[in-house]
C-alpha atoms as a PDB file:
ATOM      1  CA  MET A   1      13.159 -37.571  21.145  1.00  0.00           C
ATOM      2  CA  THR A   2      13.812 -36.614  24.684  1.00  0.00           C
ATOM      3  CA  GLU A   3      12.385 -33.717  26.431  1.00  0.00           C
ATOM      4  CA  THR A   4      15.595 -31.642  25.977  1.00  0.00           C
ATOM      5  CA  MET A   5      15.580 -32.179  22.354  1.00  0.00           C
ATOM      6  CA  THR A   6      13.449 -30.030  20.185  1.00  0.00           C
ATOM      7  CA  GLU A   7      12.591 -29.939  16.370  1.00  0.00           C
ATOM      8  CA  PRO A   8      13.979 -27.211  14.521  1.00  0.00           C
ATOM      9  CA  GLU A   9      11.548 -24.354  14.006  1.00  0.00           C
ATOM     10  CA  LYS A  10      10.326 -23.738  10.506  1.00  0.00           C
ATOM     11  CA  VAL A  11      11.599 -20.381   9.206  1.00  0.00           C
ATOM     12  CA  GLN A  12       9.125 -18.716   7.036  1.00  0.00           C
ATOM     13  CA  ARG A  13      10.791 -17.122   4.065  1.00  0.00           C
ATOM     14  CA  ARG A  14       9.811 -13.603   3.445  1.00  0.00           C
ATOM     15  CA  SER A  15       9.823 -12.312  -0.047  1.00  0.00           C
ATOM     16  CA  VAL A  16      11.632  -9.176  -1.103  1.00  0.00           C
ATOM     17  CA  LEU A  17       8.766  -8.409  -3.419  1.00  0.00           C
ATOM     18  CA  ARG A  18       6.253  -8.741  -0.668  1.00  0.00           C
ATOM     19  CA  GLY A  19       8.276  -6.428   1.617  1.00  0.00           C
ATOM     20  CA  ALA A  20       8.525  -3.864  -1.186  1.00  0.00           C
ATOM     21  CA  GLY A  21       4.767  -4.063  -1.747  1.00  0.00           C
ATOM     22  CA  GLY A  22       4.151  -3.397   1.799  1.00  0.00           C
ATOM     23  CA  ALA A  23       6.396  -0.398   1.837  1.00  0.00           C
ATOM     24  CA  VAL A  24       4.677   0.951  -1.227  1.00  0.00           C
ATOM     25  CA  ALA A  25       1.236   0.321   0.331  1.00  0.00           C
ATOM     26  CA  ALA A  26       2.186   2.262   3.339  1.00  0.00           C
ATOM     27  CA  CYS A  27       3.514   5.208   1.154  1.00  0.00           C
ATOM     28  CA  VAL A  28       0.260   5.233  -0.730  1.00  0.00           C
ATOM     29  CA  VAL A  29      -1.656   5.496   2.584  1.00  0.00           C
ATOM     30  CA  MET A  30       0.624   8.278   3.673  1.00  0.00           C
ATOM     31  CA  LEU A  31       0.094  10.085   0.357  1.00  0.00           C
ATOM     32  CA  PHE A  32      -3.546   9.864   0.847  1.00  0.00           C
ATOM     33  CA  LEU A  33      -3.296  11.394   4.369  1.00  0.00           C
ATOM     34  CA  VAL A  34      -1.020  14.289   2.989  1.00  0.00           C
ATOM     35  CA  VAL A  35      -3.499  15.013   0.226  1.00  0.00           C
ATOM     36  CA  LEU A  36      -6.464  14.884   2.732  1.00  0.00           C
ATOM     37  CA  GLY A  37      -4.574  17.327   5.276  1.00  0.00           C
ATOM     38  CA  SER A  38      -3.657  19.662   2.443  1.00  0.00           C
ATOM     39  CA  GLN A  39      -7.296  19.730   1.148  1.00  0.00           C
ATOM     40  CA  ILE A  40      -8.615  20.528   4.597  1.00  0.00           C
ATOM     41  CA  PHE A  41      -5.847  23.154   5.175  1.00  0.00           C
ATOM     42  CA  PHE A  42      -6.545  24.864   1.868  1.00  0.00           C
ATOM     43  CA  GLN A  43     -10.327  24.820   2.325  1.00  0.00           C
ATOM     44  CA  LEU A  44      -9.830  26.562   5.726  1.00  0.00           C
ATOM     45  CA  GLN A  45      -7.673  29.182   3.944  1.00  0.00           C
ATOM     46  CA  GLY A  46     -10.266  29.864   1.438  1.00  0.00           C
ATOM     47  CA  TYR A  47      -8.402  28.279  -1.431  1.00  0.00           C
ATOM     48  CA  PRO A  48      -9.884  25.443  -3.686  1.00  0.00           C
ATOM     49  CA  GLY A  49      -6.876  22.948  -2.993  1.00  0.00           C
ATOM     50  CA  SER A  50      -6.696  19.841  -5.355  1.00  0.00           C
ATOM     51  CA  GLY A  51     -10.327  18.960  -4.927  1.00  0.00           C
ATOM     52  CA  TRP A  52     -12.455  16.476  -2.908  1.00  0.00           C
ATOM     53  CA  GLY A  53     -12.491  14.233  -6.099  1.00  0.00           C
ATOM     54  CA  ALA A  54      -8.830  13.885  -5.900  1.00  0.00           C
ATOM     55  CA  VAL A  55      -8.893  13.141  -2.163  1.00  0.00           C
ATOM     56  CA  ALA A  56     -11.549  10.391  -2.828  1.00  0.00           C
ATOM     57  CA  LEU A  57      -9.543   8.885  -5.625  1.00  0.00           C
ATOM     58  CA  HIS A  58      -6.406   8.799  -3.326  1.00  0.00           C
ATOM     59  CA  ALA A  59      -8.497   7.185  -0.675  1.00  0.00           C
ATOM     60  CA  LEU A  60      -9.589   4.435  -3.206  1.00  0.00           C
ATOM     61  CA  ALA A  61      -6.047   4.013  -4.247  1.00  0.00           C
ATOM     62  CA  ALA A  62      -4.945   3.501  -0.653  1.00  0.00           C
ATOM     63  CA  ALA A  63      -7.827   1.013   0.098  1.00  0.00           C
ATOM     64  CA  ILE A  64      -6.928  -0.961  -3.100  1.00  0.00           C
ATOM     65  CA  ALA A  65      -3.210  -1.063  -2.145  1.00  0.00           C
ATOM     66  CA  VAL A  66      -3.889  -2.274   1.414  1.00  0.00           C
ATOM     67  CA  ALA A  67      -6.389  -4.950   0.280  1.00  0.00           C
ATOM     68  CA  LEU A  68      -3.907  -6.232  -2.237  1.00  0.00           C
ATOM     69  CA  GLN A  69      -1.050  -6.192   0.244  1.00  0.00           C
ATOM     70  CA  ARG A  70      -3.324  -8.200   2.672  1.00  0.00           C
ATOM     71  CA  ILE A  71      -3.643 -10.809  -0.096  1.00  0.00           C
ATOM     72  CA  ALA A  72       0.084 -10.782  -0.756  1.00  0.00           C
ATOM     73  CA  ASP A  73       0.782 -11.347   2.871  1.00  0.00           C
ATOM     74  CA  ARG A  74      -1.757 -14.218   3.250  1.00  0.00           C
ATOM     75  CA  ARG A  75      -1.021 -16.138   0.120  1.00  0.00           C
ATOM     76  CA  ARG A  76       2.083 -17.791  -1.252  1.00  0.00           C
ATOM     77  CA  GLY A  77       3.593 -18.215  -4.623  1.00  0.00           C
ATOM     78  CA  VAL A  78       2.462 -16.654  -7.826  1.00  0.00           C
ATOM     79  CA  VAL A  79      -0.680 -15.065  -6.132  1.00  0.00           C
ATOM     80  CA  SER A  80       1.467 -13.265  -3.674  1.00  0.00           C
ATOM     81  CA  ALA A  81       3.906 -12.047  -6.350  1.00  0.00           C
ATOM     82  CA  LEU A  82       1.083 -10.928  -8.588  1.00  0.00           C
ATOM     83  CA  ALA A  83      -0.739  -8.992  -5.636  1.00  0.00           C
ATOM     84  CA  SER A  84       2.614  -7.312  -4.706  1.00  0.00           C
ATOM     85  CA  LEU A  85       3.080  -6.308  -8.260  1.00  0.00           C
ATOM     86  CA  ALA A  86      -0.463  -4.920  -8.293  1.00  0.00           C
ATOM     87  CA  VAL A  87       0.274  -2.779  -5.304  1.00  0.00           C
ATOM     88  CA  VAL A  88       3.219  -1.258  -7.107  1.00  0.00           C
ATOM     89  CA  ALA A  89       0.966  -0.835 -10.253  1.00  0.00           C
ATOM     90  CA  THR A  90      -1.742   0.900  -8.237  1.00  0.00           C
ATOM     91  CA  ALA A  91       0.808   3.349  -6.722  1.00  0.00           C
ATOM     92  CA  ALA A  92       2.254   3.957 -10.240  1.00  0.00           C
ATOM     93  CA  VAL A  93      -1.132   4.716 -11.664  1.00  0.00           C
ATOM     94  CA  THR A  94      -1.966   6.987  -8.879  1.00  0.00           C
ATOM     95  CA  LEU A  95       1.251   8.927  -9.165  1.00  0.00           C
ATOM     96  CA  TRP A  96       0.956   9.121 -13.075  1.00  0.00           C
ATOM     97  CA  LEU A  97      -2.726  10.426 -12.891  1.00  0.00           C
ATOM     98  CA  PHE A  98      -2.407  12.878 -10.152  1.00  0.00           C
ATOM     99  CA  TRP A  99       1.172  13.984  -9.990  1.00  0.00           C
ATOM    100  CA  TRP A 100       2.947  13.548 -13.158  1.00  0.00           C
ATOM    101  CA  SER A 101       0.410  13.946 -16.011  1.00  0.00           C
END
């Protein structure tokens, strides 16, 4: 090859499932921040709010979702897909336990 010729760059394929998992993980983190902010607001107003236990479990769910998304972003294949699905499952369990049940 001459100096002017270059090899084609490898294009990394991005999975739709991995992208969806990242969006869901970001939403779980935002949900935690909203729950934390509302708890602080209601405590300052003299109301009980949803409780610090709910805030702590939302924080745990956000940490789990981010950790699983990091695994999905750094691995390939089945491991990445399972980690992305676990992010969605974590969000679903959190919404079911604290918002829909």
